Amino acid sequence: MRRNDREVADQAEIDAILERCPVGRVGLWSRGEPYVVPLHFAHRRVDGQLAIYIHGAGDGRKIEAVGDGAWACFEADRRIDLIDHAKVCRIGATYESVIGWGRLAVCQDPDLAFEGLVALLDKHAPGRSAELTKREAGLVTVLRMTLDRVTAKRRP
């Protein structure tokens, strides 16, 4: 990280940043080129390791690229405010961001997939996860990315 003064190393703070970011992006290698997909996500700590959950259709380019498990990059950010300046080349922004690397795979375990969907509902539709049934959870594909390495940054 070039700007160490902006680094966020505390796991609780990284979790808080991820909670505030509504959309994340997964970068994969697909059909001989980089492929980045914006998506809704949720996260959980599992045995101290950060896990990202996403969901979607059971086919398509993302699922094709993931296959039985693929190395991927995850990124989430949010712009907080514009930093205006009299000199146009000095305009900037305050922001928070998280980048992580790890393996992305389809959740084959129905209980793990259900847990991922509960996390997604808790984040994006608070109070609705209690309505989710195991049967409904089986109708969507849930992917889980366990991050081996994470960096986070904030410009206040």
Protein backbone atom coordinates (compact mmCIF):
# COMPACT_ATOMS: atom_id res chain seq x y z
CA MET A 1 0.00 0.00 0.00
CA ARG A 2 1.51 3.27 -1.13
CA ARG A 3 -0.22 5.49 1.44
CA ASN A 4 0.28 3.71 4.78
CA ASP A 5 -1.32 6.65 6.57
CA ARG A 6 -4.65 5.64 4.99
CA GLU A 7 -4.41 1.94 5.77
CA VAL A 8 -7.15 0.33 7.87
CA ALA A 9 -5.80 -2.78 9.59
CA ASP A 10 -8.33 -3.39 12.37
CA GLN A 11 -10.67 -6.29 11.47
CA ALA A 12 -13.67 -4.66 13.14
CA GLU A 13 -13.12 -1.49 11.10
CA ILE A 14 -12.78 -3.51 7.90
CA ASP A 15 -16.07 -5.25 8.73
CA ALA A 16 -17.70 -1.85 9.33
CA ILE A 17 -16.49 -0.55 5.96
CA LEU A 18 -17.88 -3.64 4.21
CA GLU A 19 -21.19 -3.16 5.99
CA ARG A 20 -21.41 0.41 4.64
CA CYS A 21 -20.61 -0.60 1.03
CA PRO A 22 -23.81 -1.61 -0.79
CA VAL A 23 -22.09 -3.03 -3.89
CA GLY A 24 -18.89 -4.98 -4.40
CA ARG A 25 -17.07 -6.26 -7.45
CA VAL A 26 -15.57 -9.65 -8.17
CA GLY A 27 -12.73 -9.88 -10.66
CA LEU A 28 -12.25 -13.19 -12.46
CA TRP A 29 -10.44 -14.54 -15.50
CA SER A 30 -13.03 -15.50 -18.11
CA ARG A 31 -12.78 -16.44 -21.77
CA GLY A 32 -9.21 -15.25 -22.00
CA GLU A 33 -9.77 -11.79 -20.50
CA PRO A 34 -10.32 -10.06 -17.14
CA TYR A 35 -13.98 -10.01 -16.12
CA VAL A 36 -15.32 -7.79 -13.32
CA VAL A 37 -18.87 -8.19 -12.03
CA PRO A 38 -20.65 -5.67 -9.76
CA LEU A 39 -22.92 -7.38 -7.24
CA HIS A 40 -24.66 -7.19 -3.91
CA PHE A 41 -22.71 -8.99 -1.23
CA ALA A 42 -22.58 -9.73 2.47
CA HIS A 43 -19.71 -10.82 4.67
CA ARG A 44 -19.13 -12.88 7.79
CA ARG A 45 -16.10 -13.86 9.84
CA VAL A 46 -15.71 -17.63 9.97
CA ASP A 47 -13.00 -18.86 12.36
CA GLY A 48 -11.36 -15.44 12.06
CA GLN A 49 -11.31 -15.52 8.26
CA LEU A 50 -13.34 -13.09 6.15
CA ALA A 51 -15.92 -14.73 3.87
CA ILE A 52 -17.87 -12.87 1.17
CA TYR A 53 -21.27 -14.21 0.05
CA ILE A 54 -22.99 -13.44 -3.25
CA HIS A 55 -25.93 -15.03 -5.02
CA GLY A 56 -27.39 -15.28 -8.48
CA ALA A 57 -28.38 -17.59 -11.28
CA GLY A 58 -26.87 -21.05 -11.55
CA ASP A 59 -25.48 -20.39 -15.01
CA GLY A 60 -23.89 -17.58 -16.99
CA ARG A 61 -20.44 -16.13 -17.41
CA LYS A 62 -19.73 -15.68 -13.69
CA ILE A 63 -20.58 -19.31 -12.87
CA GLU A 64 -18.65 -20.47 -15.94
CA ALA A 65 -15.56 -18.56 -14.76
CA VAL A 66 -15.88 -19.86 -11.19
CA GLY A 67 -16.17 -23.51 -12.24
CA ASP A 68 -15.23 -25.77 -9.32
CA GLY A 69 -13.50 -22.84 -7.60
CA ALA A 70 -11.44 -19.99 -8.96
CA TRP A 71 -8.92 -17.53 -7.62
CA ALA A 72 -10.57 -14.14 -7.65
CA CYS A 73 -10.27 -10.58 -6.42
CA PHE A 74 -13.02 -8.81 -4.48
CA GLU A 75 -13.37 -5.03 -4.13
CA ALA A 76 -15.90 -2.80 -2.36
CA ASP A 77 -15.78 0.95 -1.92
CA ARG A 78 -17.86 3.98 -1.21
CA ARG A 79 -17.26 7.63 -1.89
CA ILE A 80 -18.13 9.73 1.11
CA ASP A 81 -17.71 13.28 -0.12
CA LEU A 82 -16.08 15.41 -2.80
CA ILE A 83 -13.02 17.42 -1.81
CA ASP A 84 -13.30 20.54 -3.93
CA HIS A 85 -10.29 22.72 -4.63
CA ALA A 86 -9.60 25.94 -6.51
CA LYS A 87 -7.14 24.02 -8.71
CA VAL A 88 -9.01 21.42 -10.71
CA CYS A 89 -6.11 18.93 -10.55
CA ARG A 90 -6.39 18.93 -6.73
CA ILE A 91 -10.04 17.84 -6.60
CA GLY A 92 -10.39 14.55 -4.78
CA ALA A 93 -12.74 12.53 -2.62
CA THR A 94 -13.04 11.04 0.82
CA TYR A 95 -13.65 7.29 0.60
CA GLU A 96 -13.36 3.86 2.15
CA SER A 97 -12.39 0.68 0.30
CA VAL A 98 -11.57 -2.98 0.86
CA ILE A 99 -9.76 -5.32 -1.54
CA GLY A 100 -9.32 -9.03 -0.95
CA TRP A 101 -7.96 -12.09 -2.75
CA GLY A 102 -9.05 -15.67 -2.37
CA ARG A 103 -10.97 -18.57 -3.80
CA LEU A 104 -14.55 -18.12 -5.00
CA ALA A 105 -16.73 -21.23 -5.24
CA VAL A 106 -20.36 -22.30 -5.34
CA CYS A 107 -21.63 -23.31 -1.89
CA GLN A 108 -22.35 -27.01 -2.26
CA ASP A 109 -23.36 -27.32 1.40
CA PRO A 110 -27.05 -26.30 1.73
CA ASP A 111 -26.51 -25.07 5.31
CA LEU A 112 -23.62 -22.84 4.22
CA ALA A 113 -25.67 -21.52 1.29
CA PHE A 114 -28.57 -20.78 3.65
CA GLU A 115 -26.20 -18.94 6.02
CA GLY A 116 -24.96 -16.86 3.08
CA LEU A 117 -28.49 -15.91 2.03
CA VAL A 118 -29.36 -14.96 5.61
CA ALA A 119 -26.30 -12.70 5.67
CA LEU A 120 -27.36 -11.11 2.36
CA LEU A 121 -30.90 -10.51 3.60
CA ASP A 122 -29.68 -9.14 6.94
CA LYS A 123 -27.58 -6.60 5.06
CA HIS A 124 -29.85 -5.62 2.16
CA ALA A 125 -33.35 -6.29 3.54
CA PRO A 126 -33.04 -6.02 7.34
CA GLY A 127 -35.68 -7.94 9.26
CA ARG A 128 -36.60 -10.23 6.34
CA SER A 129 -34.18 -13.13 6.83
CA ALA A 130 -36.57 -14.87 9.23
CA GLU A 131 -38.93 -15.37 6.27
CA LEU A 132 -36.37 -17.38 4.27
CA THR A 133 -37.03 -21.11 4.03
CA LYS A 134 -34.56 -23.85 3.17
CA ARG A 135 -36.68 -24.67 0.11
CA GLU A 136 -36.49 -21.08 -1.19
CA ALA A 137 -32.76 -20.97 -0.49
CA GLY A 138 -32.33 -23.99 -2.75
CA LEU A 139 -33.71 -22.03 -5.71
CA VAL A 140 -30.70 -19.69 -6.03
CA THR A 141 -26.99 -20.24 -6.37
CA VAL A 142 -24.88 -18.93 -3.50
CA LEU A 143 -21.18 -18.33 -3.92
CA ARG A 144 -18.70 -17.93 -1.09
CA MET A 145 -15.30 -16.31 -1.33
CA THR A 146 -12.87 -16.93 1.50
CA LEU A 147 -10.33 -14.11 1.54
CA ASP A 148 -6.73 -15.15 2.16
CA ARG A 149 -5.45 -11.59 2.05
CA VAL A 150 -7.27 -8.29 2.67
CA THR A 151 -6.27 -4.65 2.46
CA ALA A 152 -8.42 -1.67 3.41
CA LYS A 153 -8.01 2.04 3.00
CA ARG A 154 -9.74 5.23 4.09
CA ARG A 155 -9.28 8.86 3.14
CA PRO A 156 -11.00 10.91 5.79
